[in-house]
PDB file of N, CA and C in Angstrom:
ATOM      1  N   MET A   1      -1.254  19.101   0.629  1.00  0.00           N
ATOM      2  CA  MET A   1      -2.555  18.968   0.010  1.00  0.00           C
ATOM      3  C   MET A   1      -2.430  18.933  -1.512  1.00  0.00           C
ATOM      4  N   GLU A   2      -1.457  19.694  -2.040  1.00  0.00           N
ATOM      5  CA  GLU A   2      -1.252  19.664  -3.483  1.00  0.00           C
ATOM      6  C   GLU A   2      -0.794  18.286  -3.938  1.00  0.00           C
ATOM      7  N   LEU A   3       0.145  17.703  -3.200  1.00  0.00           N
ATOM      8  CA  LEU A   3       0.660  16.376  -3.544  1.00  0.00           C
ATOM      9  C   LEU A   3      -0.466  15.356  -3.654  1.00  0.00           C
ATOM     10  N   LEU A   4      -1.442  15.469  -2.772  1.00  0.00           N
ATOM     11  CA  LEU A   4      -2.539  14.512  -2.728  1.00  0.00           C
ATOM     12  C   LEU A   4      -3.763  14.972  -3.513  1.00  0.00           C
ATOM     13  N   ASP A   5      -3.634  16.101  -4.189  1.00  0.00           N
ATOM     14  CA  ASP A   5      -4.692  16.639  -5.039  1.00  0.00           C
ATOM     15  C   ASP A   5      -6.005  16.824  -4.264  1.00  0.00           C
ATOM     16  N   ILE A   6      -5.878  17.405  -3.067  1.00  0.00           N
ATOM     17  CA  ILE A   6      -7.069  17.654  -2.244  1.00  0.00           C
ATOM     18  C   ILE A   6      -7.162  19.114  -1.821  1.00  0.00           C
ATOM     19  N   LYS A   7      -6.394  19.964  -2.462  1.00  0.00           N
ATOM     20  CA  LYS A   7      -6.397  21.385  -2.100  1.00  0.00           C
ATOM     21  C   LYS A   7      -7.787  22.009  -2.249  1.00  0.00           C
ATOM     22  N   ASN A   8      -8.529  21.591  -3.260  1.00  0.00           N
ATOM     23  CA  ASN A   8      -9.872  22.149  -3.483  1.00  0.00           C
ATOM     24  C   ASN A   8     -10.869  21.728  -2.400  1.00  0.00           C
ATOM     25  N   GLN A   9     -10.545  20.712  -1.618  1.00  0.00           N
ATOM     26  CA  GLN A   9     -11.434  20.244  -0.564  1.00  0.00           C
ATOM     27  C   GLN A   9     -10.997  20.734   0.816  1.00  0.00           C
ATOM     28  N   ALA A  10     -10.099  21.702   0.862  1.00  0.00           N
ATOM     29  CA  ALA A  10      -9.514  22.149   2.135  1.00  0.00           C
ATOM     30  C   ALA A  10     -10.552  22.607   3.151  1.00  0.00           C
ATOM     31  N   ASN A  11     -11.652  23.153   2.688  1.00  0.00           N
ATOM     32  CA  ASN A  11     -12.661  23.671   3.612  1.00  0.00           C
ATOM     33  C   ASN A  11     -13.846  22.735   3.801  1.00  0.00           C
ATOM     34  N   GLU A  12     -13.722  21.521   3.305  1.00  0.00           N
ATOM     35  CA  GLU A  12     -14.789  20.529   3.433  1.00  0.00           C
ATOM     36  C   GLU A  12     -14.539  19.650   4.657  1.00  0.00           C
ATOM     37  N   LEU A  13     -15.606  19.158   5.262  1.00  0.00           N
ATOM     38  CA  LEU A  13     -15.466  18.154   6.313  1.00  0.00           C
ATOM     39  C   LEU A  13     -15.053  16.843   5.655  1.00  0.00           C
ATOM     40  N   ALA A  14     -14.073  16.178   6.214  1.00  0.00           N
ATOM     41  CA  ALA A  14     -13.576  14.931   5.620  1.00  0.00           C
ATOM     42  C   ALA A  14     -14.692  13.907   5.452  1.00  0.00           C
ATOM     43  N   ILE A  15     -15.604  13.852   6.399  1.00  0.00           N
ATOM     44  CA  ILE A  15     -16.684  12.862   6.335  1.00  0.00           C
ATOM     45  C   ILE A  15     -17.621  13.089   5.144  1.00  0.00           C
ATOM     46  N   SER A  16     -17.631  14.306   4.609  1.00  0.00           N
ATOM     47  CA  SER A  16     -18.507  14.604   3.473  1.00  0.00           C
ATOM     48  C   SER A  16     -17.844  14.274   2.132  1.00  0.00           C
ATOM     49  N   LEU A  17     -16.585  13.904   2.161  1.00  0.00           N
ATOM     50  CA  LEU A  17     -15.837  13.619   0.934  1.00  0.00           C
ATOM     51  C   LEU A  17     -16.022  12.175   0.496  1.00  0.00           C
ATOM     52  N   PRO A  18     -15.844  11.896  -0.793  1.00  0.00           N
ATOM     53  CA  PRO A  18     -15.878  10.502  -1.259  1.00  0.00           C
ATOM     54  C   PRO A  18     -14.798   9.688  -0.552  1.00  0.00           C
ATOM     55  N   TYR A  19     -15.035   8.373  -0.472  1.00  0.00           N
ATOM     56  CA  TYR A  19     -14.146   7.490   0.280  1.00  0.00           C
ATOM     57  C   TYR A  19     -12.687   7.607  -0.166  1.00  0.00           C
ATOM     58  N   GLY A  20     -12.434   7.589  -1.462  1.00  0.00           N
ATOM     59  CA  GLY A  20     -11.071   7.678  -1.968  1.00  0.00           C
ATOM     60  C   GLY A  20     -10.395   8.975  -1.556  1.00  0.00           C
ATOM     61  N   THR A  21     -11.146  10.046  -1.540  1.00  0.00           N
ATOM     62  CA  THR A  21     -10.600  11.341  -1.121  1.00  0.00           C
ATOM     63  C   THR A  21     -10.332  11.334   0.376  1.00  0.00           C
ATOM     64  N   GLN A  22     -11.180  10.667   1.139  1.00  0.00           N
ATOM     65  CA  GLN A  22     -10.943  10.551   2.582  1.00  0.00           C
ATOM     66  C   GLN A  22      -9.614   9.853   2.843  1.00  0.00           C
ATOM     67  N   ARG A  23      -9.308   8.846   2.039  1.00  0.00           N
ATOM     68  CA  ARG A  23      -8.031   8.137   2.210  1.00  0.00           C
ATOM     69  C   ARG A  23      -6.861   9.085   1.958  1.00  0.00           C
ATOM     70  N   ARG A  24      -7.007   9.961   0.967  1.00  0.00           N
ATOM     71  CA  ARG A  24      -5.960  10.954   0.678  1.00  0.00           C
ATOM     72  C   ARG A  24      -5.800  11.921   1.856  1.00  0.00           C
ATOM     73  N   VAL A  25      -6.911  12.315   2.461  1.00  0.00           N
ATOM     74  CA  VAL A  25      -6.865  13.207   3.619  1.00  0.00           C
ATOM     75  C   VAL A  25      -6.097  12.538   4.754  1.00  0.00           C
ATOM     76  N   GLU A  26      -6.333  11.252   4.965  1.00  0.00           N
ATOM     77  CA  GLU A  26      -5.620  10.516   6.023  1.00  0.00           C
ATOM     78  C   GLU A  26      -4.115  10.547   5.785  1.00  0.00           C
ATOM     79  N   ILE A  27      -3.709  10.345   4.539  1.00  0.00           N
ATOM     80  CA  ILE A  27      -2.279  10.363   4.213  1.00  0.00           C
ATOM     81  C   ILE A  27      -1.724  11.775   4.395  1.00  0.00           C
ATOM     82  N   ALA A  28      -2.489  12.778   3.963  1.00  0.00           N
ATOM     83  CA  ALA A  28      -2.046  14.170   4.121  1.00  0.00           C
ATOM     84  C   ALA A  28      -1.842  14.521   5.596  1.00  0.00           C
ATOM     85  N   ARG A  29      -2.748  14.056   6.446  1.00  0.00           N
ATOM     86  CA  ARG A  29      -2.612  14.315   7.893  1.00  0.00           C
ATOM     87  C   ARG A  29      -1.335  13.693   8.423  1.00  0.00           C
ATOM     88  N   ALA A  30      -1.041  12.488   7.975  1.00  0.00           N
ATOM     89  CA  ALA A  30       0.182  11.825   8.431  1.00  0.00           C
ATOM     90  C   ALA A  30       1.420  12.562   7.922  1.00  0.00           C
ATOM     91  N   LEU A  31       1.377  13.025   6.683  1.00  0.00           N
ATOM     92  CA  LEU A  31       2.524  13.732   6.117  1.00  0.00           C
ATOM     93  C   LEU A  31       2.741  15.096   6.748  1.00  0.00           C
ATOM     94  N   ALA A  32       1.693  15.674   7.318  1.00  0.00           N
ATOM     95  CA  ALA A  32       1.813  16.990   7.946  1.00  0.00           C
ATOM     96  C   ALA A  32       2.798  16.983   9.108  1.00  0.00           C
ATOM     97  N   THR A  33       3.059  15.819   9.674  1.00  0.00           N
ATOM     98  CA  THR A  33       4.006  15.706  10.787  1.00  0.00           C
ATOM     99  C   THR A  33       5.448  15.576  10.303  1.00  0.00           C
ATOM    100  N   GLU A  34       5.640  15.601   8.968  1.00  0.00           N
ATOM    101  CA  GLU A  34       6.953  15.469   8.336  1.00  0.00           C
ATOM    102  C   GLU A  34       7.692  14.217   8.808  1.00  0.00           C
ATOM    103  N   PRO A  35       7.085  13.052   8.647  1.00  0.00           N
ATOM    104  CA  PRO A  35       7.715  11.823   9.130  1.00  0.00           C
ATOM    105  C   PRO A  35       8.898  11.399   8.261  1.00  0.00           C
ATOM    106  N   LYS A  36       9.788  10.644   8.864  1.00  0.00           N
ATOM    107  CA  LYS A  36      10.852   9.976   8.103  1.00  0.00           C
ATOM    108  C   LYS A  36      10.367   8.603   7.666  1.00  0.00           C
ATOM    109  N   LEU A  37       9.448   8.039   8.458  1.00  0.00           N
ATOM    110  CA  LEU A  37       8.857   6.733   8.196  1.00  0.00           C
ATOM    111  C   LEU A  37       7.341   6.890   8.232  1.00  0.00           C
ATOM    112  N   LEU A  38       6.686   6.439   7.178  1.00  0.00           N
ATOM    113  CA  LEU A  38       5.231   6.514   7.084  1.00  0.00           C
ATOM    114  C   LEU A  38       4.683   5.097   7.060  1.00  0.00           C
ATOM    115  N   LEU A  39       3.890   4.747   8.054  1.00  0.00           N
ATOM    116  CA  LEU A  39       3.252   3.438   8.126  1.00  0.00           C
ATOM    117  C   LEU A  39       1.839   3.556   7.588  1.00  0.00           C
ATOM    118  N   LEU A  40       1.549   2.804   6.540  1.00  0.00           N
ATOM    119  CA  LEU A  40       0.217   2.811   5.947  1.00  0.00           C
ATOM    120  C   LEU A  40      -0.370   1.408   6.041  1.00  0.00           C
ATOM    121  N   ASP A  41      -1.514   1.307   6.678  1.00  0.00           N
ATOM    122  CA  ASP A  41      -2.182   0.023   6.864  1.00  0.00           C
ATOM    123  C   ASP A  41      -3.370  -0.061   5.909  1.00  0.00           C
ATOM    124  N   GLU A  42      -3.243  -0.870   4.884  1.00  0.00           N
ATOM    125  CA  GLU A  42      -4.292  -1.112   3.891  1.00  0.00           C
ATOM    126  C   GLU A  42      -4.814   0.179   3.235  1.00  0.00           C
ATOM    127  N   PRO A  43      -3.919   1.029   2.721  1.00  0.00           N
ATOM    128  CA  PRO A  43      -4.400   2.270   2.122  1.00  0.00           C
ATOM    129  C   PRO A  43      -5.233   2.058   0.853  1.00  0.00           C
ATOM    130  N   ALA A  44      -5.112   0.904   0.212  1.00  0.00           N
ATOM    131  CA  ALA A  44      -5.883   0.642  -1.013  1.00  0.00           C
ATOM    132  C   ALA A  44      -7.220  -0.035  -0.732  1.00  0.00           C
ATOM    133  N   ALA A  45      -7.485  -0.371   0.519  1.00  0.00           N
ATOM    134  CA  ALA A  45      -8.738  -1.052   0.852  1.00  0.00           C
ATOM    135  C   ALA A  45      -9.927  -0.181   0.458  1.00  0.00           C
ATOM    136  N   GLY A  46     -10.816  -0.744  -0.324  1.00  0.00           N
ATOM    137  CA  GLY A  46     -12.018  -0.043  -0.733  1.00  0.00           C
ATOM    138  C   GLY A  46     -11.854   0.882  -1.921  1.00  0.00           C
ATOM    139  N   LEU A  47     -10.638   0.990  -2.444  1.00  0.00           N
ATOM    140  CA  LEU A  47     -10.407   1.860  -3.595  1.00  0.00           C
ATOM    141  C   LEU A  47     -10.667   1.102  -4.891  1.00  0.00           C
ATOM    142  N   ASN A  48     -11.125   1.818  -5.895  1.00  0.00           N
ATOM    143  CA  ASN A  48     -11.283   1.182  -7.197  1.00  0.00           C
ATOM    144  C   ASN A  48      -9.941   1.164  -7.919  1.00  0.00           C
ATOM    145  N   GLU A  49      -9.911   0.599  -9.108  1.00  0.00           N
ATOM    146  CA  GLU A  49      -8.650   0.427  -9.835  1.00  0.00           C
ATOM    147  C   GLU A  49      -7.970   1.766 -10.145  1.00  0.00           C
ATOM    148  N   VAL A  50      -8.748   2.754 -10.549  1.00  0.00           N
ATOM    149  CA  VAL A  50      -8.190   4.073 -10.869  1.00  0.00           C
ATOM    150  C   VAL A  50      -7.628   4.729  -9.614  1.00  0.00           C
ATOM    151  N   GLU A  51      -8.377   4.665  -8.524  1.00  0.00           N
ATOM    152  CA  GLU A  51      -7.910   5.247  -7.266  1.00  0.00           C
ATOM    153  C   GLU A  51      -6.651   4.547  -6.768  1.00  0.00           C
ATOM    154  N   THR A  52      -6.565   3.240  -6.973  1.00  0.00           N
ATOM    155  CA  THR A  52      -5.383   2.489  -6.554  1.00  0.00           C
ATOM    156  C   THR A  52      -4.172   2.901  -7.384  1.00  0.00           C
ATOM    157  N   LEU A  53      -4.361   3.103  -8.675  1.00  0.00           N
ATOM    158  CA  LEU A  53      -3.274   3.578  -9.535  1.00  0.00           C
ATOM    159  C   LEU A  53      -2.813   4.954  -9.085  1.00  0.00           C
ATOM    160  N   GLU A  54      -3.745   5.835  -8.766  1.00  0.00           N
ATOM    161  CA  GLU A  54      -3.395   7.163  -8.268  1.00  0.00           C
ATOM    162  C   GLU A  54      -2.654   7.065  -6.936  1.00  0.00           C
ATOM    163  N   LEU A  55      -3.082   6.145  -6.077  1.00  0.00           N
ATOM    164  CA  LEU A  55      -2.403   5.918  -4.805  1.00  0.00           C
ATOM    165  C   LEU A  55      -0.960   5.492  -5.047  1.00  0.00           C
ATOM    166  N   ALA A  56      -0.746   4.594  -6.000  1.00  0.00           N
ATOM    167  CA  ALA A  56       0.612   4.135  -6.319  1.00  0.00           C
ATOM    168  C   ALA A  56       1.498   5.309  -6.727  1.00  0.00           C
ATOM    169  N   GLN A  57       0.957   6.213  -7.514  1.00  0.00           N
ATOM    170  CA  GLN A  57       1.719   7.389  -7.941  1.00  0.00           C
ATOM    171  C   GLN A  57       2.036   8.294  -6.753  1.00  0.00           C
ATOM    172  N   ILE A  58       1.076   8.446  -5.866  1.00  0.00           N
ATOM    173  CA  ILE A  58       1.290   9.254  -4.657  1.00  0.00           C
ATOM    174  C   ILE A  58       2.373   8.626  -3.792  1.00  0.00           C
ATOM    175  N   LEU A  59       2.299   7.312  -3.598  1.00  0.00           N
ATOM    176  CA  LEU A  59       3.305   6.626  -2.777  1.00  0.00           C
ATOM    177  C   LEU A  59       4.689   6.784  -3.371  1.00  0.00           C
ATOM    178  N   ASP A  60       4.792   6.706  -4.695  1.00  0.00           N
ATOM    179  CA  ASP A  60       6.084   6.882  -5.355  1.00  0.00           C
ATOM    180  C   ASP A  60       6.617   8.293  -5.112  1.00  0.00           C
ATOM    181  N   THR A  61       5.765   9.293  -5.222  1.00  0.00           N
ATOM    182  CA  THR A  61       6.186  10.677  -4.989  1.00  0.00           C
ATOM    183  C   THR A  61       6.637  10.871  -3.543  1.00  0.00           C
ATOM    184  N   ILE A  62       5.900  10.288  -2.615  1.00  0.00           N
ATOM    185  CA  ILE A  62       6.276  10.383  -1.199  1.00  0.00           C
ATOM    186  C   ILE A  62       7.640   9.736  -0.986  1.00  0.00           C
ATOM    187  N   HIS A  63       7.816   8.560  -1.552  1.00  0.00           N
ATOM    188  CA  HIS A  63       9.092   7.853  -1.407  1.00  0.00           C
ATOM    189  C   HIS A  63      10.233   8.646  -2.033  1.00  0.00           C
ATOM    190  N   GLN A  64       9.997   9.219  -3.199  1.00  0.00           N
ATOM    191  CA  GLN A  64      11.028  10.009  -3.882  1.00  0.00           C
ATOM    192  C   GLN A  64      11.421  11.251  -3.073  1.00  0.00           C
ATOM    193  N   SER A  65      10.535  11.706  -2.190  1.00  0.00           N
ATOM    194  CA  SER A  65      10.840  12.871  -1.360  1.00  0.00           C
ATOM    195  C   SER A  65      11.723  12.505  -0.166  1.00  0.00           C
ATOM    196  N   GLY A  66      12.015  11.212  -0.019  1.00  0.00           N
ATOM    197  CA  GLY A  66      12.905  10.782   1.057  1.00  0.00           C
ATOM    198  C   GLY A  66      12.217  10.111   2.229  1.00  0.00           C
ATOM    199  N   VAL A  67      10.922   9.931   2.152  1.00  0.00           N
ATOM    200  CA  VAL A  67      10.185   9.276   3.239  1.00  0.00           C
ATOM    201  C   VAL A  67      10.162   7.774   2.979  1.00  0.00           C
ATOM    202  N   THR A  68      10.539   6.997   3.980  1.00  0.00           N
ATOM    203  CA  THR A  68      10.436   5.547   3.895  1.00  0.00           C
ATOM    204  C   THR A  68       8.989   5.150   4.186  1.00  0.00           C
ATOM    205  N   ILE A  69       8.471   4.240   3.388  1.00  0.00           N
ATOM    206  CA  ILE A  69       7.084   3.809   3.568  1.00  0.00           C
ATOM    207  C   ILE A  69       7.060   2.346   3.975  1.00  0.00           C
ATOM    208  N   LEU A  70       6.381   2.070   5.076  1.00  0.00           N
ATOM    209  CA  LEU A  70       6.100   0.707   5.495  1.00  0.00           C
ATOM    210  C   LEU A  70       4.635   0.464   5.157  1.00  0.00           C
ATOM    211  N   LEU A  71       4.415  -0.396   4.192  1.00  0.00           N
ATOM    212  CA  LEU A  71       3.084  -0.612   3.640  1.00  0.00           C
ATOM    213  C   LEU A  71       2.566  -1.986   4.043  1.00  0.00           C
ATOM    214  N   VAL A  72       1.451  -2.014   4.739  1.00  0.00           N
ATOM    215  CA  VAL A  72       0.743  -3.256   5.042  1.00  0.00           C
ATOM    216  C   VAL A  72      -0.418  -3.287   4.063  1.00  0.00           C
ATOM    217  N   GLU A  73      -0.412  -4.254   3.165  1.00  0.00           N
ATOM    218  CA  GLU A  73      -1.376  -4.214   2.073  1.00  0.00           C
ATOM    219  C   GLU A  73      -1.643  -5.605   1.524  1.00  0.00           C
ATOM    220  N   HIS A  74      -2.903  -5.841   1.124  1.00  0.00           N
ATOM    221  CA  HIS A  74      -3.286  -7.102   0.507  1.00  0.00           C
ATOM    222  C   HIS A  74      -3.494  -6.985  -0.995  1.00  0.00           C
ATOM    223  N   ASP A  75      -3.433  -5.788  -1.539  1.00  0.00           N
ATOM    224  CA  ASP A  75      -3.544  -5.606  -2.979  1.00  0.00           C
ATOM    225  C   ASP A  75      -2.184  -5.966  -3.579  1.00  0.00           C
ATOM    226  N   MET A  76      -2.077  -7.196  -4.059  1.00  0.00           N
ATOM    227  CA  MET A  76      -0.789  -7.714  -4.502  1.00  0.00           C
ATOM    228  C   MET A  76      -0.251  -6.998  -5.733  1.00  0.00           C
ATOM    229  N   LYS A  77      -1.113  -6.515  -6.584  1.00  0.00           N
ATOM    230  CA  LYS A  77      -0.632  -5.758  -7.741  1.00  0.00           C
ATOM    231  C   LYS A  77       0.064  -4.489  -7.261  1.00  0.00           C
ATOM    232  N   LEU A  78      -0.559  -3.776  -6.334  1.00  0.00           N
ATOM    233  CA  LEU A  78       0.040  -2.571  -5.770  1.00  0.00           C
ATOM    234  C   LEU A  78       1.377  -2.897  -5.112  1.00  0.00           C
ATOM    235  N   VAL A  79       1.413  -3.953  -4.329  1.00  0.00           N
ATOM    236  CA  VAL A  79       2.634  -4.339  -3.626  1.00  0.00           C
ATOM    237  C   VAL A  79       3.730  -4.721  -4.616  1.00  0.00           C
ATOM    238  N   MET A  80       3.415  -5.610  -5.536  1.00  0.00           N
ATOM    239  CA  MET A  80       4.430  -6.123  -6.459  1.00  0.00           C
ATOM    240  C   MET A  80       4.990  -5.048  -7.385  1.00  0.00           C
ATOM    241  N   GLU A  81       4.174  -4.076  -7.739  1.00  0.00           N
ATOM    242  CA  GLU A  81       4.632  -3.047  -8.677  1.00  0.00           C
ATOM    243  C   GLU A  81       5.301  -1.856  -7.999  1.00  0.00           C
ATOM    244  N   ASN A  82       5.174  -1.752  -6.664  1.00  0.00           N
ATOM    245  CA  ASN A  82       5.641  -0.528  -6.022  1.00  0.00           C
ATOM    246  C   ASN A  82       6.580  -0.712  -4.836  1.00  0.00           C
ATOM    247  N   CYS A  83       6.790  -1.927  -4.389  1.00  0.00           N
ATOM    248  CA  CYS A  83       7.619  -2.134  -3.201  1.00  0.00           C
ATOM    249  C   CYS A  83       8.981  -2.699  -3.585  1.00  0.00           C
ATOM    250  N   GLN A  84      10.008  -2.181  -2.937  1.00  0.00           N
ATOM    251  CA  GLN A  84      11.361  -2.664  -3.189  1.00  0.00           C
ATOM    252  C   GLN A  84      11.658  -3.946  -2.424  1.00  0.00           C
ATOM    253  N   VAL A  85      11.215  -3.985  -1.187  1.00  0.00           N
ATOM    254  CA  VAL A  85      11.407  -5.164  -0.342  1.00  0.00           C
ATOM    255  C   VAL A  85      10.039  -5.584   0.173  1.00  0.00           C
ATOM    256  N   ILE A  86       9.748  -6.866   0.045  1.00  0.00           N
ATOM    257  CA  ILE A  86       8.455  -7.404   0.474  1.00  0.00           C
ATOM    258  C   ILE A  86       8.710  -8.445   1.550  1.00  0.00           C
ATOM    259  N   THR A  87       7.962  -8.346   2.632  1.00  0.00           N
ATOM    260  CA  THR A  87       8.010  -9.344   3.685  1.00  0.00           C
ATOM    261  C   THR A  87       6.644 -10.010   3.722  1.00  0.00           C
ATOM    262  N   VAL A  88       6.641 -11.345   3.679  1.00  0.00           N
ATOM    263  CA  VAL A  88       5.389 -12.096   3.697  1.00  0.00           C
ATOM    264  C   VAL A  88       5.250 -12.759   5.050  1.00  0.00           C
ATOM    265  N   ILE A  89       4.089 -12.552   5.653  1.00  0.00           N
ATOM    266  CA  ILE A  89       3.809 -13.113   6.969  1.00  0.00           C
ATOM    267  C   ILE A  89       2.635 -14.070   6.844  1.00  0.00           C
ATOM    268  N   ASP A  90       2.766 -15.224   7.459  1.00  0.00           N
ATOM    269  CA  ASP A  90       1.703 -16.220   7.486  1.00  0.00           C
ATOM    270  C   ASP A  90       1.478 -16.616   8.938  1.00  0.00           C
ATOM    271  N   TYR A  91       0.287 -16.370   9.429  1.00  0.00           N
ATOM    272  CA  TYR A  91      -0.059 -16.654  10.829  1.00  0.00           C
ATOM    273  C   TYR A  91       0.967 -16.069  11.800  1.00  0.00           C
ATOM    274  N   GLY A  92       1.363 -14.816  11.535  1.00  0.00           N
ATOM    275  CA  GLY A  92       2.245 -14.100  12.439  1.00  0.00           C
ATOM    276  C   GLY A  92       3.720 -14.415  12.310  1.00  0.00           C
ATOM    277  N   LYS A  93       4.092 -15.277  11.383  1.00  0.00           N
ATOM    278  CA  LYS A  93       5.500 -15.640  11.212  1.00  0.00           C
ATOM    279  C   LYS A  93       5.969 -15.246   9.824  1.00  0.00           C
ATOM    280  N   LYS A  94       7.168 -14.668   9.770  1.00  0.00           N
ATOM    281  CA  LYS A  94       7.740 -14.291   8.485  1.00  0.00           C
ATOM    282  C   LYS A  94       8.138 -15.554   7.731  1.00  0.00           C
ATOM    283  N   ILE A  95       7.632 -15.683   6.503  1.00  0.00           N
ATOM    284  CA  ILE A  95       7.961 -16.864   5.702  1.00  0.00           C
ATOM    285  C   ILE A  95       8.804 -16.518   4.479  1.00  0.00           C
ATOM    286  N   ALA A  96       8.897 -15.236   4.154  1.00  0.00           N
ATOM    287  CA  ALA A  96       9.721 -14.839   3.011  1.00  0.00           C
ATOM    288  C   ALA A  96      10.003 -13.350   3.073  1.00  0.00           C
ATOM    289  N   GLU A  97      11.119 -12.981   2.458  1.00  0.00           N
ATOM    290  CA  GLU A  97      11.461 -11.567   2.339  1.00  0.00           C
ATOM    291  C   GLU A  97      12.395 -11.403   1.157  1.00  0.00           C
ATOM    292  N   GLY A  98      12.161 -10.347   0.397  1.00  0.00           N
ATOM    293  CA  GLY A  98      13.022 -10.056  -0.745  1.00  0.00           C
ATOM    294  C   GLY A  98      12.291  -9.204  -1.757  1.00  0.00           C
ATOM    295  N   ASP A  99      12.849  -9.166  -2.973  1.00  0.00           N
ATOM    296  CA  ASP A  99      12.178  -8.401  -4.019  1.00  0.00           C
ATOM    297  C   ASP A  99      10.978  -9.187  -4.528  1.00  0.00           C
ATOM    298  N   CYS A 100      10.210  -8.590  -5.439  1.00  0.00           N
ATOM    299  CA  CYS A 100       8.950  -9.221  -5.848  1.00  0.00           C
ATOM    300  C   CYS A 100       9.172 -10.563  -6.538  1.00  0.00           C
ATOM    301  N   ASP A 101      10.212 -10.698  -7.347  1.00  0.00           N
ATOM    302  CA  ASP A 101      10.454 -11.990  -8.006  1.00  0.00           C
ATOM    303  C   ASP A 101      10.795 -13.077  -6.994  1.00  0.00           C
ATOM    304  N   CYS A 102      11.605 -12.726  -6.014  1.00  0.00           N
ATOM    305  CA  CYS A 102      11.980 -13.678  -4.967  1.00  0.00           C
ATOM    306  C   CYS A 102      10.745 -14.154  -4.206  1.00  0.00           C
ATOM    307  N   VAL A 103       9.893 -13.214  -3.829  1.00  0.00           N
ATOM    308  CA  VAL A 103       8.702 -13.548  -3.053  1.00  0.00           C
ATOM    309  C   VAL A 103       7.681 -14.287  -3.908  1.00  0.00           C
ATOM    310  N   ARG A 104       7.482 -13.820  -5.127  1.00  0.00           N
ATOM    311  CA  ARG A 104       6.490 -14.413  -6.031  1.00  0.00           C
ATOM    312  C   ARG A 104       6.794 -15.893  -6.303  1.00  0.00           C
ATOM    313  N   ASN A 105       8.065 -16.249  -6.344  1.00  0.00           N
ATOM    314  CA  ASN A 105       8.463 -17.614  -6.679  1.00  0.00           C
ATOM    315  C   ASN A 105       8.823 -18.465  -5.468  1.00  0.00           C
ATOM    316  N   ASN A 106       8.647 -17.932  -4.280  1.00  0.00           N
ATOM    317  CA  ASN A 106       9.003 -18.654  -3.063  1.00  0.00           C
ATOM    318  C   ASN A 106       7.982 -19.764  -2.803  1.00  0.00           C
ATOM    319  N   PRO A 107       8.440 -21.016  -2.700  1.00  0.00           N
ATOM    320  CA  PRO A 107       7.515 -22.134  -2.488  1.00  0.00           C
ATOM    321  C   PRO A 107       6.675 -22.004  -1.211  1.00  0.00           C
ATOM    322  N   ARG A 108       7.250 -21.434  -0.152  1.00  0.00           N
ATOM    323  CA  ARG A 108       6.486 -21.276   1.094  1.00  0.00           C
ATOM    324  C   ARG A 108       5.357 -20.266   0.914  1.00  0.00           C
ATOM    325  N   VAL A 109       5.602 -19.222   0.146  1.00  0.00           N
ATOM    326  CA  VAL A 109       4.568 -18.218  -0.124  1.00  0.00           C
ATOM    327  C   VAL A 109       3.468 -18.837  -0.974  1.00  0.00           C
ATOM    328  N   ILE A 110       3.860 -19.549  -2.003  1.00  0.00           N
ATOM    329  CA  ILE A 110       2.888 -20.202  -2.888  1.00  0.00           C
ATOM    330  C   ILE A 110       2.022 -21.170  -2.093  1.00  0.00           C
ATOM    331  N   GLU A 111       2.645 -21.971  -1.260  1.00  0.00           N
ATOM    332  CA  GLU A 111       1.882 -22.934  -0.461  1.00  0.00           C
ATOM    333  C   GLU A 111       0.955 -22.235   0.526  1.00  0.00           C
ATOM    334  N   ALA A 112       1.455 -21.190   1.189  1.00  0.00           N
ATOM    335  CA  ALA A 112       0.647 -20.501   2.198  1.00  0.00           C
ATOM    336  C   ALA A 112      -0.559 -19.794   1.596  1.00  0.00           C
ATOM    337  N   TYR A 113      -0.384 -19.236   0.415  1.00  0.00           N
ATOM    338  CA  TYR A 113      -1.459 -18.416  -0.148  1.00  0.00           C
ATOM    339  C   TYR A 113      -2.228 -19.067  -1.270  1.00  0.00           C
ATOM    340  N   LEU A 114      -1.697 -20.120  -1.875  1.00  0.00           N
ATOM    341  CA  LEU A 114      -2.406 -20.811  -2.938  1.00  0.00           C
ATOM    342  C   LEU A 114      -2.725 -22.261  -2.588  1.00  0.00           C
ATOM    343  N   GLY A 115      -2.076 -22.801  -1.581  1.00  0.00           N
ATOM    344  CA  GLY A 115      -2.282 -24.190  -1.202  1.00  0.00           C
ATOM    345  C   GLY A 115      -1.204 -25.076  -1.785  1.00  0.00           C
ATOM    346  N   LYS A 116      -1.153 -26.298  -1.314  1.00  0.00           N
ATOM    347  CA  LYS A 116      -0.188 -27.261  -1.827  1.00  0.00           C
ATOM    348  C   LYS A 116      -0.574 -27.672  -3.230  1.00  0.00           C
ATOM    349  N   GLU A 117       0.408 -28.111  -3.991  1.00  0.00           N
ATOM    350  CA  GLU A 117       0.158 -28.460  -5.391  1.00  0.00           C
ATOM    351  C   GLU A 117      -0.927 -29.516  -5.541  1.00  0.00           C
ATOM    352  N   GLU A 118      -0.953 -30.486  -4.629  1.00  0.00           N
ATOM    353  CA  GLU A 118      -1.972 -31.537  -4.735  1.00  0.00           C
ATOM    354  C   GLU A 118      -3.378 -31.016  -4.399  1.00  0.00           C
ATOM    355  N   ASP A 119      -3.429 -29.830  -3.724  1.00  0.00           N
ATOM    356  CA  ASP A 119      -4.727 -29.219  -3.404  1.00  0.00           C
ATOM    357  C   ASP A 119      -5.289 -28.408  -4.563  1.00  0.00           C
ATOM    358  N   LEU A 120      -4.442 -28.094  -5.541  1.00  0.00           N
ATOM    359  CA  LEU A 120      -4.867 -27.277  -6.665  1.00  0.00           C
ATOM    360  C   LEU A 120      -5.585 -28.122  -7.691  1.00  0.00           C
ATOM    361  N   CYS A 121      -6.669 -27.597  -8.239  1.00  0.00           N
ATOM    362  CA  CYS A 121      -7.481 -28.237  -9.278  1.00  0.00           C
ATOM    363  C   CYS A 121      -7.309 -29.719  -9.263  1.00  0.00           C
TER     364      CYS A 121
END
């Protein structure tokens, strides 16, 4: 609870907490099982920019403690700034994998998510 800065809300019902704090409670519940691998599905969904930055710091602390994190996320800033290995999936098929520079510059990723060059402007 200290790691997630929710110790002061320990006696509150999760449903009564602000949305961003509820997300922290979800992560705390998962960490209570002392996992080696933590799967997070869209943890930044619905968070504002400040909450997302705080989430990034929390994820880094969790990772530094030795927990591997598998992050499914559409917030590309969060992904690009915090993930060591990125796998890009398009219609259920892996189209790229590597570090952020490799993925960011991959023509298949660009085409899948931005369209073909002739489709742009």
